[in-house]
């Protein structure tokens, strides 16, 4: 069965990253310049389209009026090393990648789509390191990105410190999940890490800050798309109701 919406590609020649990056947009079936749209920007974009089945989910949720008008935008990485450089809180390109999102991606989307031009209508979603990147970006630019959805994010002291030091947490709505079985996750650099304990610490830090915050622990959930995909309807219906 074919998709009901429309896939569109846009290319950005990024001056911050000195490379060409492709944005893959998925517009709902009833897309029209007469309406305004939320924007959901997905790091690990190809994974969200292929394993997360976000286009099919968008079709279903829009058809059932279970989410408000939303355009999904996927941005993908070249390889796991490129991903780590751009998404990791201490990655050598993370600062430039965040500038790319804020100063190149957002202006382009506001130019080519009928958006609200407001932070609360712009969301960042990501799994694992991509979820970490979503939170770190919104903490730095809360007036640009007002929604964060992180599925099993990588959490270290840099992330905890960023939450504790922020003064604009109330501008951001946050959805956060971790699987209870994510106790031995293999990372890009070959380490095996417990993701559950740091994520619970992050949850406590966000709660203590008084964030607008939804936190879920997925029973027996592992660090895989099986659980992230299963939770995506909850994520989207919660954040785009």
Protein backbone atom coordinates (compact mmCIF):
# COMPACT_ATOMS: atom_id res chain seq x y z
CA UNK A 1 0.00 0.00 0.00
CA UNK A 2 1.42 3.37 -1.01
CA UNK A 3 1.91 6.26 1.33
CA UNK A 4 -0.72 8.97 1.39
CA UNK A 5 1.64 11.86 2.01
CA UNK A 6 4.46 13.30 -0.08
CA UNK A 7 8.22 12.91 0.36
CA UNK A 8 10.33 15.94 -0.59
CA UNK A 9 14.10 16.39 -0.46
CA UNK A 10 15.96 19.62 0.21
CA UNK A 11 19.74 20.01 0.23
CA UNK A 12 21.65 22.42 2.45
CA UNK A 13 25.24 23.38 1.72
CA UNK A 14 26.20 23.96 5.33
CA UNK A 15 28.77 26.63 6.04
CA UNK A 16 29.03 25.43 9.65
CA UNK A 17 29.78 21.79 8.76
CA UNK A 18 31.42 22.43 5.37
CA UNK A 19 29.39 19.68 3.74
CA UNK A 20 26.18 19.03 1.88
CA UNK A 21 23.31 17.60 3.95
CA UNK A 22 19.96 16.29 2.74
CA UNK A 23 16.67 17.01 4.50
CA UNK A 24 13.92 14.48 3.76
CA UNK A 25 10.49 16.00 4.40
CA UNK A 26 7.27 14.04 4.74
CA UNK A 27 4.16 16.14 4.20
CA UNK A 28 0.73 14.79 5.22
CA UNK A 29 -1.84 13.94 2.55
CA UNK A 30 -3.88 17.09 3.11
CA UNK A 31 -0.84 19.38 3.07
CA UNK A 32 -1.75 22.87 1.91
CA UNK A 33 -0.16 26.33 2.16
CA UNK A 34 -3.52 27.44 3.57
CA UNK A 35 -2.77 25.62 6.85
CA UNK A 36 -0.02 26.02 9.45
CA UNK A 37 2.21 23.10 10.42
CA UNK A 38 4.29 21.85 13.30
CA UNK A 39 7.78 20.70 12.36
CA UNK A 40 9.30 17.52 13.78
CA UNK A 41 13.02 17.32 13.01
CA UNK A 42 14.48 13.82 13.31
CA UNK A 43 18.18 13.10 13.72
CA UNK A 44 18.86 9.52 12.57
CA UNK A 45 16.30 10.47 9.93
CA UNK A 46 16.59 7.38 7.71
CA UNK A 47 16.21 5.16 10.76
CA UNK A 48 12.99 6.93 11.74
CA UNK A 49 11.63 6.49 8.23
CA UNK A 50 12.75 2.88 7.76
CA UNK A 51 12.69 1.28 11.22
CA UNK A 52 10.42 3.76 12.95
CA UNK A 53 7.98 3.74 9.98
CA UNK A 54 7.24 7.37 10.72
CA UNK A 55 5.65 8.10 7.32
CA UNK A 56 3.08 5.32 7.70
CA UNK A 57 2.46 6.43 11.27
CA UNK A 58 2.01 10.03 10.12
CA UNK A 59 -0.59 8.88 7.58
CA UNK A 60 -2.53 6.99 10.24
CA UNK A 61 -2.40 9.64 12.96
CA UNK A 62 -3.35 12.48 10.60
CA UNK A 63 -6.20 10.46 9.08
CA UNK A 64 -7.61 9.75 12.55
CA UNK A 65 -7.07 13.34 13.74
CA UNK A 66 -4.85 12.02 16.53
CA UNK A 67 -2.14 14.61 15.92
CA UNK A 68 -2.28 18.19 14.71
CA UNK A 69 -0.80 19.14 11.30
CA UNK A 70 2.84 18.09 11.33
CA UNK A 71 5.61 17.84 8.74
CA UNK A 72 8.38 15.35 9.58
CA UNK A 73 11.95 16.21 8.58
CA UNK A 74 14.69 13.60 8.57
CA UNK A 75 18.41 14.35 8.66
CA UNK A 76 20.76 11.38 8.50
CA UNK A 77 24.42 10.70 9.28
CA UNK A 78 27.15 9.36 6.99
CA UNK A 79 28.38 6.61 9.31
CA UNK A 80 28.59 5.81 13.02
CA UNK A 81 31.73 7.90 13.46
CA UNK A 82 30.15 10.94 11.78
CA UNK A 83 27.10 10.42 14.00
CA UNK A 84 29.22 10.40 17.16
CA UNK A 85 31.10 13.57 16.15
CA UNK A 86 27.82 15.45 15.58
CA UNK A 87 25.50 14.06 18.25
CA UNK A 88 27.70 13.19 21.25
CA UNK A 89 27.62 15.87 24.00
CA UNK A 90 31.41 16.04 23.77
CA UNK A 91 31.59 15.43 20.01
CA UNK A 92 34.03 17.62 18.10
CA UNK A 93 31.32 18.78 15.66
CA UNK A 94 28.37 18.99 18.05
CA UNK A 95 28.51 22.76 18.49
CA UNK A 96 28.66 23.30 14.73
CA UNK A 97 25.87 20.78 14.13
CA UNK A 98 23.63 22.64 16.56
CA UNK A 99 24.39 25.88 14.70
CA UNK A 100 23.47 24.08 11.46
CA UNK A 101 20.08 23.15 12.94
CA UNK A 102 19.35 26.59 14.33
CA UNK A 103 20.79 28.87 11.65
CA UNK A 104 20.39 26.80 8.48
CA UNK A 105 17.70 24.13 8.90
CA UNK A 106 15.09 26.22 10.73
CA UNK A 107 15.29 29.24 8.37
CA UNK A 108 14.98 26.96 5.34
CA UNK A 109 11.93 25.16 6.76
CA UNK A 110 10.28 28.45 7.75
CA UNK A 111 10.88 29.67 4.22
CA UNK A 112 9.51 26.69 2.29
CA UNK A 113 6.73 25.56 4.66
CA UNK A 114 3.72 27.34 6.20
CA UNK A 115 4.99 27.15 9.79
CA UNK A 116 4.05 29.00 12.97
CA UNK A 117 7.55 30.54 13.36
CA UNK A 118 7.37 29.67 17.07
CA UNK A 119 9.49 27.45 19.29
CA UNK A 120 6.51 25.48 20.58
CA UNK A 121 5.69 24.35 17.04
CA UNK A 122 9.21 23.01 16.43
CA UNK A 123 10.21 19.63 17.82
CA UNK A 124 13.40 17.61 17.91
CA UNK A 125 13.23 13.82 18.18
CA UNK A 126 15.99 11.25 18.41
CA UNK A 127 16.99 7.82 19.67
CA UNK A 128 20.10 7.15 21.76
CA UNK A 129 22.76 9.80 20.90
CA UNK A 130 20.28 11.56 18.62
CA UNK A 131 17.97 11.97 21.62
CA UNK A 132 20.84 13.45 23.60
CA UNK A 133 21.48 15.91 20.78
CA UNK A 134 17.80 16.90 20.77
CA UNK A 135 17.86 17.78 24.47
CA UNK A 136 21.21 19.60 24.36
CA UNK A 137 20.07 21.69 21.38
CA UNK A 138 16.77 22.70 22.97
CA UNK A 139 18.44 23.57 26.28
CA UNK A 140 20.72 25.94 24.39
CA UNK A 141 17.98 27.33 22.10
CA UNK A 142 14.65 26.96 23.99
CA UNK A 143 12.98 29.72 22.01
CA UNK A 144 13.78 27.94 18.74
CA UNK A 145 12.85 24.38 19.77
CA UNK A 146 10.01 24.02 22.25
CA UNK A 147 9.55 20.24 22.13
CA UNK A 148 12.03 17.43 22.75
CA UNK A 149 11.40 13.70 22.33
CA UNK A 150 14.26 11.46 23.39
CA UNK A 151 14.10 7.70 23.20
CA UNK A 152 16.77 5.97 25.32
CA UNK A 153 19.20 8.92 25.22
CA UNK A 154 22.87 8.61 26.11
CA UNK A 155 23.37 10.47 29.39
CA UNK A 156 26.64 11.54 30.99
CA UNK A 157 27.65 14.27 33.43
CA UNK A 158 27.78 16.86 30.64
CA UNK A 159 24.07 16.27 29.99
CA UNK A 160 23.14 16.37 33.70
CA UNK A 161 25.13 19.59 34.15
CA UNK A 162 23.40 21.19 31.15
CA UNK A 163 19.99 20.47 32.70
CA UNK A 164 20.98 21.70 36.14
CA UNK A 165 22.48 24.91 34.75
CA UNK A 166 19.68 25.86 32.38
CA UNK A 167 17.36 28.73 33.25
CA UNK A 168 14.87 28.24 30.41
CA UNK A 169 13.59 24.71 30.97
CA UNK A 170 9.99 25.92 31.28
CA UNK A 171 9.98 26.87 27.59
CA UNK A 172 10.40 23.21 26.57
CA UNK A 173 8.00 20.24 26.64
CA UNK A 174 9.95 16.99 27.04
CA UNK A 175 9.07 13.33 26.39
CA UNK A 176 11.64 10.84 27.67
CA UNK A 177 11.74 7.03 27.62
CA UNK A 178 14.20 4.36 28.70
CA UNK A 179 13.85 0.57 28.57
CA UNK A 180 14.27 -1.25 31.86
CA UNK A 181 16.55 -3.83 30.20
CA UNK A 182 19.03 -1.25 28.85
CA UNK A 183 21.67 -2.18 31.42
CA UNK A 184 24.43 -3.32 29.04
CA UNK A 185 24.31 -1.23 25.86
CA UNK A 186 27.18 -1.52 23.38
CA UNK A 187 28.29 1.93 22.18
CA UNK A 188 30.10 3.15 19.06
CA UNK A 189 33.48 3.23 20.82
CA UNK A 190 33.18 -0.38 21.95
CA UNK A 191 32.13 0.25 25.54
CA UNK A 192 29.27 -1.53 27.26
CA UNK A 193 27.28 0.91 29.39
CA UNK A 194 24.34 0.92 31.75
CA UNK A 195 21.81 3.37 30.28
CA UNK A 196 19.10 2.88 32.91
CA UNK A 197 20.79 4.46 35.93
CA UNK A 198 21.95 7.66 34.13
CA UNK A 199 18.51 8.07 32.52
CA UNK A 200 16.85 7.84 35.92
CA UNK A 201 19.28 10.49 37.16
CA UNK A 202 18.34 12.67 34.18
CA UNK A 203 14.66 12.17 34.99
CA UNK A 204 15.25 13.31 38.56
CA UNK A 205 17.15 16.38 37.32
CA UNK A 206 14.41 17.34 34.86
CA UNK A 207 11.69 16.81 37.46
CA UNK A 208 13.59 18.87 40.03
CA UNK A 209 13.85 21.69 37.49
CA UNK A 210 10.06 21.70 37.10
CA UNK A 211 10.12 20.81 33.42
CA UNK A 212 6.94 20.13 31.45
CA UNK A 213 7.85 16.50 31.33
CA UNK A 214 6.59 13.02 30.42
CA UNK A 215 8.78 10.12 31.52
CA UNK A 216 8.16 6.46 30.75
CA UNK A 217 10.12 3.32 31.50
CA UNK A 218 9.39 0.63 28.90
CA UNK A 219 9.10 -2.71 30.69
CA UNK A 220 11.86 -5.10 29.53
CA UNK A 221 12.69 -2.62 26.74
CA UNK A 222 16.10 -2.98 25.12
CA UNK A 223 18.18 -0.45 23.16
CA UNK A 224 16.53 -1.35 19.86
CA UNK A 225 14.01 -0.07 17.33
CA UNK A 226 11.59 -2.81 18.35
CA UNK A 227 10.74 -0.79 21.46
CA UNK A 228 11.26 2.70 20.06
CA UNK A 229 8.92 2.03 17.14
CA UNK A 230 6.27 0.55 19.42
CA UNK A 231 6.29 3.69 21.57
CA UNK A 232 6.26 6.21 18.69
CA UNK A 233 2.43 6.55 18.56
CA UNK A 234 2.46 7.49 22.25
CA UNK A 235 5.30 9.94 21.67
CA UNK A 236 3.60 11.73 18.80
CA UNK A 237 0.09 11.77 20.24
CA UNK A 238 1.42 13.16 23.51
CA UNK A 239 3.52 15.90 21.91
CA UNK A 240 1.32 16.85 18.95
CA UNK A 241 -2.18 16.40 20.39
